[in-house]
Amino acid sequence: MHDDRRTLYPEIDPHRTFRLRVDPLHELYVEESGNPDGKPVLFVHGGPGGGTEPKQRRYFDPKRYRIVLFDQRGCGRSTPHASLERNTTWHLVADMELLRSHLRIDRWMLFGGSWGSTLSLSYAIRHPERVSELVLRGIFLLRRRELEWFYQEGASRIFPDAFAPYRDLVPAAERSDLM
């Protein structure tokens, strides 16, 4: 039995890519695909430190959506790579708002996963009049319990071999509390 709900949309190429300067240091990589006149959706990637990938365009029906992907400050193809300077949550929220304005979009759907869910919620709190919908998956709110699972009590037990190189960077005397 074939379940169409699990099928992604066909691969598509962006019809437009560009770089958006958001301050004297940072420049974002941005791409648009799908229907230029469709419902605008911004894909907000995880991380922090992640980036966008071509498969993320496939989450949306390209006939119905104007699909916008961007790499956040310091991430993916944005420059400077891995920079933490002037790179806070509120800088990222301001970047999203600058991007929305630059694209002349009145309101858009935000689709965020993991860290992208946190950033999407932060944007929606700051700019509720600019958000038509929020689609959040793998919600990560940076609460202490979530951070403990991520850095200490969960990932290390599920993937001990993968976690060991990270843990080994921390002095042995400090490993009981990686936070």
N, C-alpha and C. Protein backbone atom coordinates (compact mmCIF):
# COMPACT_ATOMS: atom_id res chain seq x y z
N MET A 1 0.84 -1.18 0.00
CA MET A 1 0.00 0.00 0.00
C MET A 1 0.88 1.25 0.00
N HIS A 2 0.60 2.16 -0.89
CA HIS A 2 1.36 3.40 -1.01
C HIS A 2 0.66 4.51 -0.21
N ASP A 3 1.39 5.18 0.64
CA ASP A 3 0.83 6.26 1.45
C ASP A 3 1.38 7.58 0.95
N ASP A 4 0.56 8.34 0.22
CA ASP A 4 1.00 9.61 -0.36
C ASP A 4 1.37 10.64 0.69
N ARG A 5 0.92 10.46 1.92
CA ARG A 5 1.25 11.43 2.96
C ARG A 5 2.73 11.39 3.33
N ARG A 6 3.41 10.34 2.98
CA ARG A 6 4.84 10.21 3.31
C ARG A 6 5.74 10.60 2.14
N THR A 7 5.16 10.95 1.03
CA THR A 7 5.92 11.28 -0.16
C THR A 7 6.21 12.77 -0.19
N LEU A 8 7.46 13.11 -0.42
CA LEU A 8 7.82 14.52 -0.59
C LEU A 8 7.46 14.95 -2.00
N TYR A 9 7.37 16.24 -2.20
CA TYR A 9 7.12 16.76 -3.55
C TYR A 9 8.37 16.54 -4.41
N PRO A 10 8.23 16.61 -5.73
CA PRO A 10 9.38 16.36 -6.62
C PRO A 10 10.52 17.35 -6.37
N GLU A 11 11.72 16.92 -6.72
CA GLU A 11 12.88 17.81 -6.62
C GLU A 11 12.68 19.00 -7.54
N ILE A 12 13.05 20.17 -7.04
CA ILE A 12 12.99 21.39 -7.85
C ILE A 12 14.24 22.20 -7.57
N ASP A 13 14.59 23.01 -8.53
CA ASP A 13 15.71 23.94 -8.36
C ASP A 13 15.15 25.30 -7.99
N PRO A 14 15.94 26.09 -7.29
CA PRO A 14 15.48 27.46 -7.02
C PRO A 14 15.43 28.25 -8.32
N HIS A 15 14.48 29.15 -8.43
CA HIS A 15 14.44 30.02 -9.60
C HIS A 15 15.19 31.32 -9.32
N ARG A 16 15.57 31.51 -8.05
CA ARG A 16 16.31 32.72 -7.68
C ARG A 16 17.15 32.43 -6.44
N THR A 17 18.42 32.81 -6.49
CA THR A 17 19.27 32.79 -5.31
C THR A 17 19.94 34.15 -5.21
N PHE A 18 20.17 34.58 -3.99
CA PHE A 18 20.86 35.86 -3.80
C PHE A 18 21.44 35.91 -2.40
N ARG A 19 22.23 36.94 -2.17
CA ARG A 19 22.82 37.19 -0.87
C ARG A 19 22.25 38.50 -0.35
N LEU A 20 21.85 38.50 0.91
CA LEU A 20 21.26 39.68 1.53
C LEU A 20 22.17 40.16 2.65
N ARG A 21 22.71 41.36 2.49
CA ARG A 21 23.55 41.95 3.54
C ARG A 21 22.63 42.45 4.64
N VAL A 22 22.84 41.96 5.87
CA VAL A 22 21.99 42.34 7.00
C VAL A 22 22.70 43.26 7.98
N ASP A 23 24.01 43.35 7.90
CA ASP A 23 24.79 44.31 8.67
C ASP A 23 26.18 44.37 8.03
N PRO A 24 27.07 45.21 8.52
CA PRO A 24 28.38 45.32 7.85
C PRO A 24 29.18 44.02 7.81
N LEU A 25 28.90 43.09 8.70
CA LEU A 25 29.65 41.84 8.74
C LEU A 25 28.93 40.67 8.07
N HIS A 26 27.63 40.57 8.26
CA HIS A 26 26.89 39.37 7.88
C HIS A 26 26.13 39.51 6.57
N GLU A 27 26.20 38.43 5.79
CA GLU A 27 25.47 38.34 4.53
C GLU A 27 24.79 36.96 4.50
N LEU A 28 23.49 36.95 4.25
CA LEU A 28 22.72 35.71 4.25
C LEU A 28 22.59 35.14 2.85
N TYR A 29 22.63 33.82 2.76
CA TYR A 29 22.29 33.12 1.53
C TYR A 29 20.78 32.92 1.54
N VAL A 30 20.12 33.26 0.42
CA VAL A 30 18.66 33.13 0.30
C VAL A 30 18.34 32.50 -1.05
N GLU A 31 17.31 31.65 -1.06
CA GLU A 31 16.83 31.11 -2.33
C GLU A 31 15.32 31.07 -2.33
N GLU A 32 14.76 31.19 -3.53
CA GLU A 32 13.32 31.08 -3.72
C GLU A 32 13.04 30.01 -4.77
N SER A 33 11.99 29.26 -4.52
CA SER A 33 11.55 28.25 -5.48
C SER A 33 10.03 28.17 -5.42
N GLY A 34 9.48 27.34 -6.27
CA GLY A 34 8.02 27.20 -6.29
C GLY A 34 7.35 28.30 -7.08
N ASN A 35 6.12 28.61 -6.71
CA ASN A 35 5.29 29.57 -7.42
C ASN A 35 5.56 30.98 -6.91
N PRO A 36 6.12 31.87 -7.74
CA PRO A 36 6.40 33.24 -7.29
C PRO A 36 5.16 33.99 -6.80
N ASP A 37 3.98 33.55 -7.25
CA ASP A 37 2.73 34.18 -6.82
C ASP A 37 1.99 33.35 -5.77
N GLY A 38 2.63 32.29 -5.29
CA GLY A 38 1.99 31.41 -4.33
C GLY A 38 2.03 31.94 -2.90
N LYS A 39 1.47 31.15 -2.01
CA LYS A 39 1.46 31.49 -0.59
C LYS A 39 2.90 31.45 -0.08
N PRO A 40 3.39 32.55 0.52
CA PRO A 40 4.78 32.58 0.98
C PRO A 40 5.00 31.73 2.23
N VAL A 41 6.06 30.92 2.20
CA VAL A 41 6.46 30.12 3.35
C VAL A 41 7.97 30.26 3.52
N LEU A 42 8.39 30.51 4.75
CA LEU A 42 9.81 30.59 5.08
C LEU A 42 10.19 29.32 5.84
N PHE A 43 11.15 28.58 5.30
CA PHE A 43 11.68 27.41 5.99
C PHE A 43 12.77 27.90 6.94
N VAL A 44 12.62 27.62 8.23
CA VAL A 44 13.58 28.08 9.25
C VAL A 44 14.33 26.84 9.75
N HIS A 45 15.59 26.73 9.34
CA HIS A 45 16.36 25.51 9.62
C HIS A 45 16.77 25.41 11.09
N GLY A 46 17.18 24.21 11.45
CA GLY A 46 17.63 23.93 12.81
C GLY A 46 19.08 24.31 13.03
N GLY A 47 19.58 23.89 14.12
CA GLY A 47 20.95 24.20 14.54
C GLY A 47 20.94 24.44 16.04
N PRO A 48 21.31 25.64 16.46
CA PRO A 48 21.95 26.64 15.59
C PRO A 48 23.24 26.09 14.99
N GLY A 49 23.55 26.59 13.84
CA GLY A 49 24.74 26.16 13.15
C GLY A 49 24.45 25.29 11.94
N GLY A 50 23.19 24.93 11.73
CA GLY A 50 22.82 24.11 10.58
C GLY A 50 22.81 24.94 9.31
N GLY A 51 22.02 24.55 8.39
CA GLY A 51 21.87 25.26 7.12
C GLY A 51 20.78 24.58 6.32
N THR A 52 20.43 25.17 5.20
CA THR A 52 19.38 24.59 4.37
C THR A 52 19.95 23.55 3.42
N GLU A 53 19.07 22.68 2.95
CA GLU A 53 19.43 21.62 2.02
C GLU A 53 18.37 21.55 0.93
N PRO A 54 18.73 21.10 -0.28
CA PRO A 54 17.75 21.03 -1.37
C PRO A 54 16.49 20.24 -1.04
N LYS A 55 16.60 19.18 -0.24
CA LYS A 55 15.41 18.37 0.06
C LYS A 55 14.36 19.18 0.81
N GLN A 56 14.74 20.26 1.49
CA GLN A 56 13.78 21.04 2.25
C GLN A 56 12.80 21.78 1.36
N ARG A 57 13.15 22.00 0.11
CA ARG A 57 12.20 22.58 -0.85
C ARG A 57 11.04 21.62 -1.10
N ARG A 58 11.31 20.33 -0.92
CA ARG A 58 10.34 19.29 -1.27
C ARG A 58 9.24 19.11 -0.23
N TYR A 59 9.30 19.84 0.87
CA TYR A 59 8.24 19.76 1.89
C TYR A 59 6.97 20.48 1.45
N PHE A 60 7.06 21.29 0.41
CA PHE A 60 5.96 22.18 0.02
C PHE A 60 5.57 21.93 -1.43
N ASP A 61 4.29 22.05 -1.71
CA ASP A 61 3.77 21.92 -3.07
C ASP A 61 4.24 23.14 -3.87
N PRO A 62 5.14 22.95 -4.85
CA PRO A 62 5.69 24.09 -5.57
C PRO A 62 4.67 24.82 -6.44
N LYS A 63 3.52 24.21 -6.68
CA LYS A 63 2.46 24.89 -7.44
C LYS A 63 1.69 25.87 -6.55
N ARG A 64 1.68 25.61 -5.25
CA ARG A 64 0.87 26.41 -4.31
C ARG A 64 1.69 27.39 -3.48
N TYR A 65 2.99 27.11 -3.31
CA TYR A 65 3.78 27.90 -2.36
C TYR A 65 4.94 28.64 -3.02
N ARG A 66 5.19 29.82 -2.53
CA ARG A 66 6.41 30.58 -2.80
C ARG A 66 7.36 30.18 -1.67
N ILE A 67 8.31 29.35 -1.98
CA ILE A 67 9.17 28.70 -0.98
C ILE A 67 10.45 29.52 -0.81
N VAL A 68 10.69 29.97 0.41
CA VAL A 68 11.89 30.75 0.72
C VAL A 68 12.72 29.97 1.72
N LEU A 69 13.97 29.70 1.35
CA LEU A 69 14.93 29.08 2.26
C LEU A 69 16.06 30.08 2.46
N PHE A 70 16.59 30.15 3.68
CA PHE A 70 17.74 31.01 3.94
C PHE A 70 18.63 30.33 4.97
N ASP A 71 19.91 30.65 4.89
CA ASP A 71 20.86 30.19 5.90
C ASP A 71 21.06 31.33 6.89
N GLN A 72 20.83 31.03 8.17
CA GLN A 72 20.95 32.03 9.23
C GLN A 72 22.40 32.52 9.35
N ARG A 73 22.59 33.61 10.06
CA ARG A 73 23.94 34.15 10.30
C ARG A 73 24.88 33.04 10.74
N GLY A 74 26.06 33.01 10.12
CA GLY A 74 27.08 32.05 10.50
C GLY A 74 26.83 30.63 10.06
N CYS A 75 25.76 30.37 9.34
CA CYS A 75 25.36 29.00 8.99
C CYS A 75 25.39 28.77 7.48
N GLY A 76 25.56 27.50 7.13
CA GLY A 76 25.44 27.11 5.72
C GLY A 76 26.28 27.96 4.80
N ARG A 77 25.63 28.56 3.81
CA ARG A 77 26.32 29.36 2.80
C ARG A 77 26.34 30.85 3.14
N SER A 78 25.82 31.22 4.31
CA SER A 78 25.91 32.61 4.74
C SER A 78 27.34 32.90 5.21
N THR A 79 27.70 34.18 5.16
CA THR A 79 29.06 34.56 5.54
C THR A 79 29.02 35.69 6.56
N PRO A 80 30.06 35.76 7.41
CA PRO A 80 31.16 34.80 7.56
C PRO A 80 30.67 33.51 8.22
N HIS A 81 31.26 32.41 7.79
CA HIS A 81 30.84 31.10 8.27
C HIS A 81 31.22 30.93 9.75
N ALA A 82 30.30 30.40 10.53
CA ALA A 82 30.50 30.06 11.94
C ALA A 82 30.82 31.26 12.83
N SER A 83 30.50 32.45 12.37
CA SER A 83 30.74 33.65 13.18
C SER A 83 29.69 33.78 14.27
N LEU A 84 30.14 34.07 15.48
CA LEU A 84 29.24 34.31 16.61
C LEU A 84 29.10 35.80 16.90
N GLU A 85 29.89 36.61 16.22
CA GLU A 85 29.84 38.05 16.44
C GLU A 85 28.51 38.61 15.95
N ARG A 86 27.86 39.40 16.79
CA ARG A 86 26.55 39.98 16.47
C ARG A 86 25.60 38.89 15.94
N ASN A 87 25.55 37.80 16.68
CA ASN A 87 24.76 36.65 16.24
C ASN A 87 23.94 36.12 17.43
N THR A 88 22.87 36.84 17.76
CA THR A 88 21.98 36.43 18.84
C THR A 88 20.62 36.07 18.24
N THR A 89 19.77 35.53 19.07
CA THR A 89 18.41 35.22 18.61
C THR A 89 17.75 36.46 18.03
N TRP A 90 17.90 37.60 18.70
CA TRP A 90 17.22 38.82 18.24
C TRP A 90 17.84 39.37 16.96
N HIS A 91 19.14 39.13 16.74
CA HIS A 91 19.72 39.47 15.43
C HIS A 91 19.07 38.62 14.34
N LEU A 92 18.88 37.33 14.62
CA LEU A 92 18.28 36.43 13.62
C LEU A 92 16.83 36.81 13.34
N VAL A 93 16.10 37.18 14.38
CA VAL A 93 14.71 37.63 14.19
C VAL A 93 14.69 38.88 13.32
N ALA A 94 15.59 39.82 13.59
CA ALA A 94 15.67 41.04 12.77
C ALA A 94 16.03 40.70 11.32
N ASP A 95 16.90 39.72 11.12
CA ASP A 95 17.26 39.29 9.77
C ASP A 95 16.04 38.74 9.02
N MET A 96 15.24 37.94 9.72
CA MET A 96 14.04 37.39 9.09
C MET A 96 13.08 38.50 8.69
N GLU A 97 12.95 39.50 9.53
CA GLU A 97 12.05 40.62 9.22
C GLU A 97 12.60 41.44 8.05
N LEU A 98 13.92 41.64 8.01
CA LEU A 98 14.53 42.34 6.88
C LEU A 98 14.32 41.55 5.59
N LEU A 99 14.46 40.25 5.66
CA LEU A 99 14.24 39.40 4.49
C LEU A 99 12.79 39.50 4.02
N ARG A 100 11.84 39.43 4.94
CA ARG A 100 10.43 39.55 4.57
C ARG A 100 10.17 40.86 3.86
N SER A 101 10.70 41.94 4.41
CA SER A 101 10.52 43.26 3.81
C SER A 101 11.19 43.34 2.44
N HIS A 102 12.40 42.80 2.35
CA HIS A 102 13.13 42.80 1.08
C HIS A 102 12.36 42.06 -0.02
N LEU A 103 11.70 40.98 0.36
CA LEU A 103 10.94 40.18 -0.61
C LEU A 103 9.54 40.74 -0.87
N ARG A 104 9.20 41.82 -0.18
CA ARG A 104 7.89 42.46 -0.31
C ARG A 104 6.75 41.48 -0.01
N ILE A 105 6.94 40.72 1.05
CA ILE A 105 5.91 39.79 1.52
C ILE A 105 5.21 40.44 2.70
N ASP A 106 3.89 40.48 2.66
CA ASP A 106 3.13 41.08 3.76
C ASP A 106 3.12 40.14 4.97
N ARG A 107 2.69 38.89 4.75
CA ARG A 107 2.62 37.89 5.81
C ARG A 107 3.09 36.56 5.24
N TRP A 108 3.73 35.76 6.06
CA TRP A 108 4.20 34.47 5.59
C TRP A 108 4.02 33.39 6.64
N MET A 109 3.97 32.16 6.14
CA MET A 109 3.95 31.00 7.01
C MET A 109 5.39 30.72 7.43
N LEU A 110 5.59 30.39 8.69
CA LEU A 110 6.91 29.97 9.16
C LEU A 110 6.86 28.47 9.42
N PHE A 111 7.84 27.76 8.87
CA PHE A 111 7.94 26.31 9.02
C PHE A 111 9.30 26.04 9.65
N GLY A 112 9.31 25.73 10.95
CA GLY A 112 10.57 25.56 11.65
C GLY A 112 10.66 24.27 12.42
N GLY A 113 11.86 23.70 12.43
CA GLY A 113 12.11 22.48 13.17
C GLY A 113 13.29 22.63 14.09
N SER A 114 13.21 22.00 15.26
CA SER A 114 14.26 22.02 16.26
C SER A 114 14.57 23.47 16.63
N TRP A 115 15.82 23.91 16.48
CA TRP A 115 16.15 25.31 16.74
C TRP A 115 15.29 26.23 15.88
N GLY A 116 14.95 25.79 14.68
CA GLY A 116 14.09 26.60 13.81
C GLY A 116 12.71 26.83 14.41
N SER A 117 12.23 25.89 15.25
CA SER A 117 10.94 26.12 15.92
C SER A 117 11.08 27.23 16.96
N THR A 118 12.20 27.24 17.67
CA THR A 118 12.45 28.29 18.67
C THR A 118 12.54 29.65 17.99
N LEU A 119 13.28 29.71 16.90
CA LEU A 119 13.46 30.97 16.18
C LEU A 119 12.14 31.43 15.56
N SER A 120 11.35 30.51 15.03
CA SER A 120 10.04 30.86 14.47
C SER A 120 9.13 31.44 15.53
N LEU A 121 9.10 30.81 16.70
CA LEU A 121 8.29 31.34 17.80
C LEU A 121 8.77 32.72 18.23
N SER A 122 10.07 32.92 18.29
CA SER A 122 10.63 34.23 18.67
C SER A 122 10.22 35.30 17.66
N TYR A 123 10.28 34.96 16.38
CA TYR A 123 9.85 35.90 15.34
C TYR A 123 8.36 36.21 15.49
N ALA A 124 7.55 35.18 15.71
CA ALA A 124 6.10 35.37 15.82
C ALA A 124 5.74 36.22 17.04
N ILE A 125 6.50 36.10 18.10
CA ILE A 125 6.27 36.94 19.28
C ILE A 125 6.59 38.40 18.97
N ARG A 126 7.68 38.61 18.26
CA ARG A 126 8.12 39.98 17.93
C ARG A 126 7.29 40.60 16.81
N HIS A 127 6.85 39.78 15.84
CA HIS A 127 6.15 40.29 14.65
C HIS A 127 4.87 39.48 14.37
N PRO A 128 3.92 39.43 15.30
CA PRO A 128 2.74 38.58 15.09
C PRO A 128 1.91 38.98 13.87
N GLU A 129 1.93 40.24 13.52
CA GLU A 129 1.14 40.71 12.37
C GLU A 129 1.73 40.25 11.04
N ARG A 130 2.94 39.70 11.05
CA ARG A 130 3.61 39.26 9.82
C ARG A 130 3.55 37.75 9.61
N VAL A 131 2.92 37.04 10.54
CA VAL A 131 2.88 35.58 10.48
C VAL A 131 1.45 35.12 10.17
N SER A 132 1.30 34.36 9.08
CA SER A 132 -0.02 33.82 8.73
C SER A 132 -0.26 32.49 9.43
N GLU A 133 0.76 31.66 9.53
CA GLU A 133 0.68 30.37 10.22
C GLU A 133 2.05 30.02 10.77
N LEU A 134 2.05 29.16 11.78
CA LEU A 134 3.27 28.57 12.31
C LEU A 134 3.15 27.05 12.17
N VAL A 135 4.12 26.43 11.54
CA VAL A 135 4.19 24.98 11.49
C VAL A 135 5.51 24.62 12.18
N LEU A 136 5.40 23.97 13.33
CA LEU A 136 6.57 23.66 14.14
C LEU A 136 6.70 22.16 14.29
N ARG A 137 7.92 21.68 14.18
CA ARG A 137 8.18 20.24 14.33
C ARG A 137 9.45 20.08 15.17
N GLY A 138 9.56 19.00 15.88
CA GLY A 138 10.74 18.78 16.71
C GLY A 138 11.00 19.98 17.60
N ILE A 139 9.99 20.40 18.31
CA ILE A 139 10.05 21.66 19.05
C ILE A 139 11.13 21.60 20.13
N PHE A 140 11.98 22.62 20.12
CA PHE A 140 13.11 22.73 21.05
C PHE A 140 13.08 24.14 21.60
N LEU A 141 12.73 24.27 22.88
CA LEU A 141 12.54 25.59 23.47
C LEU A 141 13.69 26.05 24.36
N LEU A 142 14.78 25.30 24.38
CA LEU A 142 15.97 25.65 25.16
C LEU A 142 15.70 25.67 26.66
N ARG A 143 14.72 24.90 27.10
CA ARG A 143 14.50 24.78 28.54
C ARG A 143 15.62 23.92 29.13
N ARG A 144 15.89 24.12 30.41
CA ARG A 144 17.00 23.41 31.06
C ARG A 144 16.88 21.90 30.84
N ARG A 145 15.70 21.33 30.99
CA ARG A 145 15.53 19.88 30.83
C ARG A 145 15.89 19.43 29.41
N GLU A 146 15.51 20.21 28.42
CA GLU A 146 15.86 19.87 27.03
C GLU A 146 17.37 19.95 26.82
N LEU A 147 17.99 20.97 27.37
CA LEU A 147 19.44 21.11 27.23
C LEU A 147 20.16 19.97 27.93
N GLU A 148 19.68 19.58 29.11
CA GLU A 148 20.30 18.46 29.82
C GLU A 148 20.19 17.18 28.99
N TRP A 149 19.03 16.96 28.37
CA TRP A 149 18.89 15.77 27.53
C TRP A 149 19.85 15.84 26.35
N PHE A 150 19.91 16.99 25.73
CA PHE A 150 20.72 17.15 24.53
C PHE A 150 22.21 16.97 24.85
N TYR A 151 22.68 17.58 25.93
CA TYR A 151 24.11 17.60 26.22
C TYR A 151 24.57 16.55 27.22
N GLN A 152 23.66 15.89 27.92
CA GLN A 152 24.11 15.07 29.02
C GLN A 152 23.40 13.73 29.16
N GLU A 153 22.09 13.75 29.29
CA GLU A 153 21.39 12.56 29.76
C GLU A 153 20.68 11.75 28.69
N GLY A 154 20.55 12.26 27.50
CA GLY A 154 19.79 11.55 26.48
C GLY A 154 20.64 11.08 25.33
N ALA A 155 21.17 12.04 24.59
CA ALA A 155 21.96 11.72 23.40
C ALA A 155 23.15 10.84 23.75
N SER A 156 23.75 11.08 24.91
CA SER A 156 24.93 10.30 25.31
C SER A 156 24.58 8.83 25.55
N ARG A 157 23.36 8.57 25.94
CA ARG A 157 22.94 7.18 26.20
C ARG A 157 22.46 6.49 24.92
N ILE A 158 21.85 7.24 24.03
CA ILE A 158 21.34 6.66 22.79
C ILE A 158 22.46 6.43 21.78
N PHE A 159 23.38 7.38 21.70
CA PHE A 159 24.49 7.31 20.74
C PHE A 159 25.82 7.49 21.47
N PRO A 160 26.19 6.58 22.35
CA PRO A 160 27.41 6.79 23.15
C PRO A 160 28.68 6.92 22.31
N ASP A 161 28.78 6.17 21.23
CA ASP A 161 29.99 6.26 20.40
C ASP A 161 30.10 7.60 19.69
N ALA A 162 28.98 8.12 19.25
CA ALA A 162 28.99 9.43 18.58
C ALA A 162 29.18 10.55 19.59
N PHE A 163 28.71 10.36 20.81
CA PHE A 163 28.80 11.40 21.83
C PHE A 163 30.20 11.49 22.44
N ALA A 164 30.93 10.39 22.45
CA ALA A 164 32.24 10.34 23.11
C ALA A 164 33.22 11.41 22.62
N PRO A 165 33.38 11.63 21.32
CA PRO A 165 34.34 12.67 20.90
C PRO A 165 33.98 14.06 21.42
N TYR A 166 32.70 14.36 21.50
CA TYR A 166 32.25 15.64 22.05
C TYR A 166 32.59 15.70 23.54
N ARG A 167 32.19 14.65 24.27
CA ARG A 167 32.43 14.59 25.72
C ARG A 167 33.92 14.66 26.03
N ASP A 168 34.75 14.02 25.23
CA ASP A 168 36.18 13.96 25.51
C ASP A 168 36.89 15.30 25.37
N LEU A 169 36.24 16.27 24.76
CA LEU A 169 36.81 17.62 24.69
C LEU A 169 36.72 18.35 26.04
N VAL A 170 35.86 17.86 26.90
CA VAL A 170 35.65 18.47 28.22
C VAL A 170 36.55 17.76 29.24
N PRO A 171 37.23 18.51 30.10
CA PRO A 171 38.07 17.87 31.12
C PRO A 171 37.26 16.86 31.94
N ALA A 172 37.86 15.73 32.27
CA ALA A 172 37.17 14.64 32.97
C ALA A 172 36.49 15.12 34.25
N ALA A 173 37.10 16.03 34.96
CA ALA A 173 36.54 16.52 36.22
C ALA A 173 35.24 17.30 36.02
N GLU A 174 34.98 17.77 34.79
CA GLU A 174 33.79 18.59 34.53
C GLU A 174 32.69 17.83 33.79
N ARG A 175 32.90 16.58 33.50
CA ARG A 175 31.95 15.83 32.67
C ARG A 175 30.64 15.48 33.35
N SER A 176 30.57 15.59 34.67
CA SER A 176 29.31 15.27 35.35
C SER A 176 28.25 16.34 35.10
N ASP A 177 28.67 17.52 34.68
CA ASP A 177 27.72 18.60 34.36
C ASP A 177 28.24 19.36 33.14
N LEU A 178 27.82 18.93 31.96
CA LEU A 178 28.31 19.54 30.72
C LEU A 178 27.63 20.87 30.42
N MET A 179 26.71 21.26 31.27
CA MET A 179 26.01 22.52 31.06
C MET A 179 26.85 23.64 31.63
